[in-house]
Amino acid sequence: MKVFVDEEKCCGAGTCVMLAPDVFDQREEDGIVILLDEHPSAELHATVREAASVCPGVAISVSEDA
């Protein structure tokens, strides 16, 4: 799995950080998503998929190929 974030789409809701704090964080100044781990471990895959699916800005995408 490889995770991608589009900072331009991020609205700073923070749902991704609440779900997967080992994979996502937020910038202090504006709350925009920071990707901490673009290749999360297998045990985090379901949580990362959930974070992508509930992202209100549709700023997170996941590739299963990588």
N, C-alpha and C. Protein backbone atom coordinates (compact mmCIF):
# COMPACT_ATOMS: atom_id res chain seq x y z
N MET A 1 0.84 -1.18 0.00
CA MET A 1 0.00 0.00 0.00
C MET A 1 0.89 1.25 0.00
N LYS A 2 0.44 2.23 -0.79
CA LYS A 2 1.08 3.54 -0.78
C LYS A 2 -0.01 4.59 -0.59
N VAL A 3 0.25 5.52 0.30
CA VAL A 3 -0.72 6.56 0.63
C VAL A 3 -0.28 7.87 0.00
N PHE A 4 -1.24 8.61 -0.52
CA PHE A 4 -1.00 9.92 -1.12
C PHE A 4 -1.93 10.93 -0.46
N VAL A 5 -1.46 12.15 -0.29
CA VAL A 5 -2.32 13.23 0.19
C VAL A 5 -2.22 14.42 -0.76
N ASP A 6 -3.33 15.09 -0.94
CA ASP A 6 -3.39 16.30 -1.75
C ASP A 6 -3.67 17.46 -0.80
N GLU A 7 -2.64 18.19 -0.46
CA GLU A 7 -2.77 19.29 0.49
C GLU A 7 -3.75 20.34 0.01
N GLU A 8 -3.89 20.50 -1.29
CA GLU A 8 -4.81 21.50 -1.84
C GLU A 8 -6.26 21.15 -1.53
N LYS A 9 -6.57 19.88 -1.40
CA LYS A 9 -7.94 19.43 -1.12
C LYS A 9 -8.24 19.36 0.37
N CYS A 10 -7.21 19.31 1.19
CA CYS A 10 -7.39 19.13 2.63
C CYS A 10 -8.11 20.33 3.25
N CYS A 11 -9.15 20.04 4.05
CA CYS A 11 -9.88 21.10 4.73
C CYS A 11 -9.53 21.18 6.21
N GLY A 12 -8.61 20.33 6.67
CA GLY A 12 -8.12 20.41 8.04
C GLY A 12 -9.07 19.83 9.09
N ALA A 13 -9.95 18.93 8.68
CA ALA A 13 -10.92 18.35 9.63
C ALA A 13 -10.24 17.50 10.70
N GLY A 14 -9.15 16.84 10.35
CA GLY A 14 -8.39 16.05 11.33
C GLY A 14 -8.89 14.64 11.56
N THR A 15 -9.87 14.21 10.80
CA THR A 15 -10.39 12.85 10.96
C THR A 15 -9.30 11.81 10.73
N CYS A 16 -8.47 12.05 9.75
CA CYS A 16 -7.40 11.10 9.43
C CYS A 16 -6.44 10.94 10.61
N VAL A 17 -6.14 12.04 11.27
CA VAL A 17 -5.22 12.02 12.41
C VAL A 17 -5.83 11.26 13.58
N MET A 18 -7.12 11.45 13.79
CA MET A 18 -7.80 10.73 14.87
C MET A 18 -7.83 9.22 14.62
N LEU A 19 -8.00 8.85 13.35
CA LEU A 19 -8.07 7.43 13.01
C LEU A 19 -6.70 6.77 12.94
N ALA A 20 -5.74 7.44 12.34
CA ALA A 20 -4.42 6.83 12.10
C ALA A 20 -3.30 7.82 12.43
N PRO A 21 -3.07 8.09 13.71
CA PRO A 21 -2.05 9.08 14.10
C PRO A 21 -0.62 8.66 13.77
N ASP A 22 -0.40 7.37 13.49
CA ASP A 22 0.94 6.93 13.08
C ASP A 22 1.21 7.23 11.61
N VAL A 23 0.14 7.54 10.87
CA VAL A 23 0.27 7.76 9.42
C VAL A 23 0.07 9.23 9.06
N PHE A 24 -0.81 9.92 9.80
CA PHE A 24 -1.15 11.30 9.47
C PHE A 24 -0.94 12.22 10.67
N ASP A 25 -0.60 13.47 10.36
CA ASP A 25 -0.54 14.53 11.36
C ASP A 25 -1.08 15.79 10.70
N GLN A 26 -1.12 16.88 11.45
CA GLN A 26 -1.59 18.15 10.90
C GLN A 26 -0.57 19.24 11.19
N ARG A 27 -0.45 20.18 10.23
CA ARG A 27 0.41 21.33 10.44
C ARG A 27 -0.19 22.21 11.53
N GLU A 28 0.66 22.73 12.38
CA GLU A 28 0.23 23.59 13.49
C GLU A 28 -0.50 24.84 12.99
N GLU A 29 0.04 25.47 11.95
CA GLU A 29 -0.47 26.78 11.54
C GLU A 29 -1.83 26.76 10.86
N ASP A 30 -2.16 25.67 10.15
CA ASP A 30 -3.43 25.68 9.40
C ASP A 30 -4.18 24.35 9.43
N GLY A 31 -3.66 23.35 10.09
CA GLY A 31 -4.35 22.07 10.20
C GLY A 31 -4.30 21.18 8.98
N ILE A 32 -3.55 21.58 7.97
CA ILE A 32 -3.45 20.77 6.75
C ILE A 32 -2.70 19.48 7.05
N VAL A 33 -3.15 18.41 6.41
CA VAL A 33 -2.61 17.07 6.64
C VAL A 33 -1.11 16.99 6.32
N ILE A 34 -0.41 16.22 7.14
CA ILE A 34 0.99 15.87 6.91
C ILE A 34 1.05 14.35 6.85
N LEU A 35 1.61 13.81 5.80
CA LEU A 35 1.75 12.36 5.67
C LEU A 35 3.03 11.93 6.37
N LEU A 36 2.89 11.12 7.40
CA LEU A 36 4.04 10.65 8.18
C LEU A 36 4.62 9.35 7.63
N ASP A 37 3.77 8.54 7.02
CA ASP A 37 4.21 7.21 6.55
C ASP A 37 3.47 6.84 5.28
N GLU A 38 4.13 6.98 4.13
CA GLU A 38 3.45 6.68 2.87
C GLU A 38 3.32 5.18 2.60
N HIS A 39 4.04 4.36 3.34
CA HIS A 39 3.95 2.90 3.23
C HIS A 39 3.67 2.30 4.61
N PRO A 40 2.43 2.48 5.12
CA PRO A 40 2.14 1.97 6.46
C PRO A 40 2.17 0.45 6.52
N SER A 41 2.40 -0.06 7.72
CA SER A 41 2.44 -1.51 7.92
C SER A 41 1.06 -2.12 7.67
N ALA A 42 1.05 -3.41 7.40
CA ALA A 42 -0.17 -4.12 7.02
C ALA A 42 -1.28 -3.98 8.06
N GLU A 43 -0.93 -3.92 9.33
CA GLU A 43 -1.96 -3.83 10.36
C GLU A 43 -2.68 -2.47 10.35
N LEU A 44 -2.12 -1.48 9.66
CA LEU A 44 -2.75 -0.17 9.56
C LEU A 44 -3.56 0.02 8.27
N HIS A 45 -3.48 -0.91 7.35
CA HIS A 45 -4.12 -0.74 6.04
C HIS A 45 -5.62 -0.47 6.14
N ALA A 46 -6.34 -1.24 6.93
CA ALA A 46 -7.79 -1.04 7.03
C ALA A 46 -8.11 0.34 7.60
N THR A 47 -7.35 0.78 8.58
CA THR A 47 -7.58 2.08 9.19
C THR A 47 -7.26 3.21 8.21
N VAL A 48 -6.21 3.05 7.42
CA VAL A 48 -5.85 4.07 6.42
C VAL A 48 -6.93 4.13 5.34
N ARG A 49 -7.44 2.99 4.92
CA ARG A 49 -8.54 2.98 3.94
C ARG A 49 -9.77 3.71 4.50
N GLU A 50 -10.06 3.47 5.78
CA GLU A 50 -11.19 4.15 6.41
C GLU A 50 -10.95 5.66 6.46
N ALA A 51 -9.74 6.07 6.82
CA ALA A 51 -9.42 7.50 6.86
C ALA A 51 -9.61 8.13 5.49
N ALA A 52 -9.20 7.44 4.44
CA ALA A 52 -9.38 7.96 3.08
C ALA A 52 -10.86 8.06 2.73
N SER A 53 -11.63 7.06 3.14
CA SER A 53 -13.05 7.04 2.77
C SER A 53 -13.87 8.09 3.51
N VAL A 54 -13.47 8.49 4.71
CA VAL A 54 -14.24 9.48 5.46
C VAL A 54 -13.67 10.90 5.36
N CYS A 55 -12.60 11.07 4.64
CA CYS A 55 -11.99 12.40 4.49
C CYS A 55 -12.97 13.34 3.79
N PRO A 56 -13.42 14.40 4.48
CA PRO A 56 -14.41 15.30 3.87
C PRO A 56 -13.89 16.07 2.65
N GLY A 57 -12.58 16.25 2.56
CA GLY A 57 -12.00 16.95 1.42
C GLY A 57 -11.55 16.04 0.31
N VAL A 58 -11.68 14.74 0.50
CA VAL A 58 -11.22 13.72 -0.46
C VAL A 58 -9.74 13.97 -0.79
N ALA A 59 -8.97 14.25 0.27
CA ALA A 59 -7.58 14.61 0.10
C ALA A 59 -6.63 13.41 0.21
N ILE A 60 -7.15 12.26 0.61
CA ILE A 60 -6.32 11.06 0.81
C ILE A 60 -6.69 10.02 -0.22
N SER A 61 -5.66 9.46 -0.87
CA SER A 61 -5.90 8.35 -1.78
C SER A 61 -4.89 7.25 -1.46
N VAL A 62 -5.27 6.03 -1.83
CA VAL A 62 -4.49 4.86 -1.52
C VAL A 62 -4.29 4.03 -2.77
N SER A 63 -3.07 3.58 -2.99
CA SER A 63 -2.75 2.65 -4.07
C SER A 63 -2.42 1.32 -3.45
N GLU A 64 -3.10 0.30 -3.85
CA GLU A 64 -2.85 -1.05 -3.32
C GLU A 64 -1.66 -1.69 -4.02
N ASP A 65 -1.18 -1.12 -5.11
CA ASP A 65 -0.10 -1.71 -5.90
C ASP A 65 1.26 -1.60 -5.24
N ALA A 66 1.46 -0.56 -4.46
CA ALA A 66 2.79 -0.32 -3.91
C ALA A 66 3.00 -1.02 -2.59
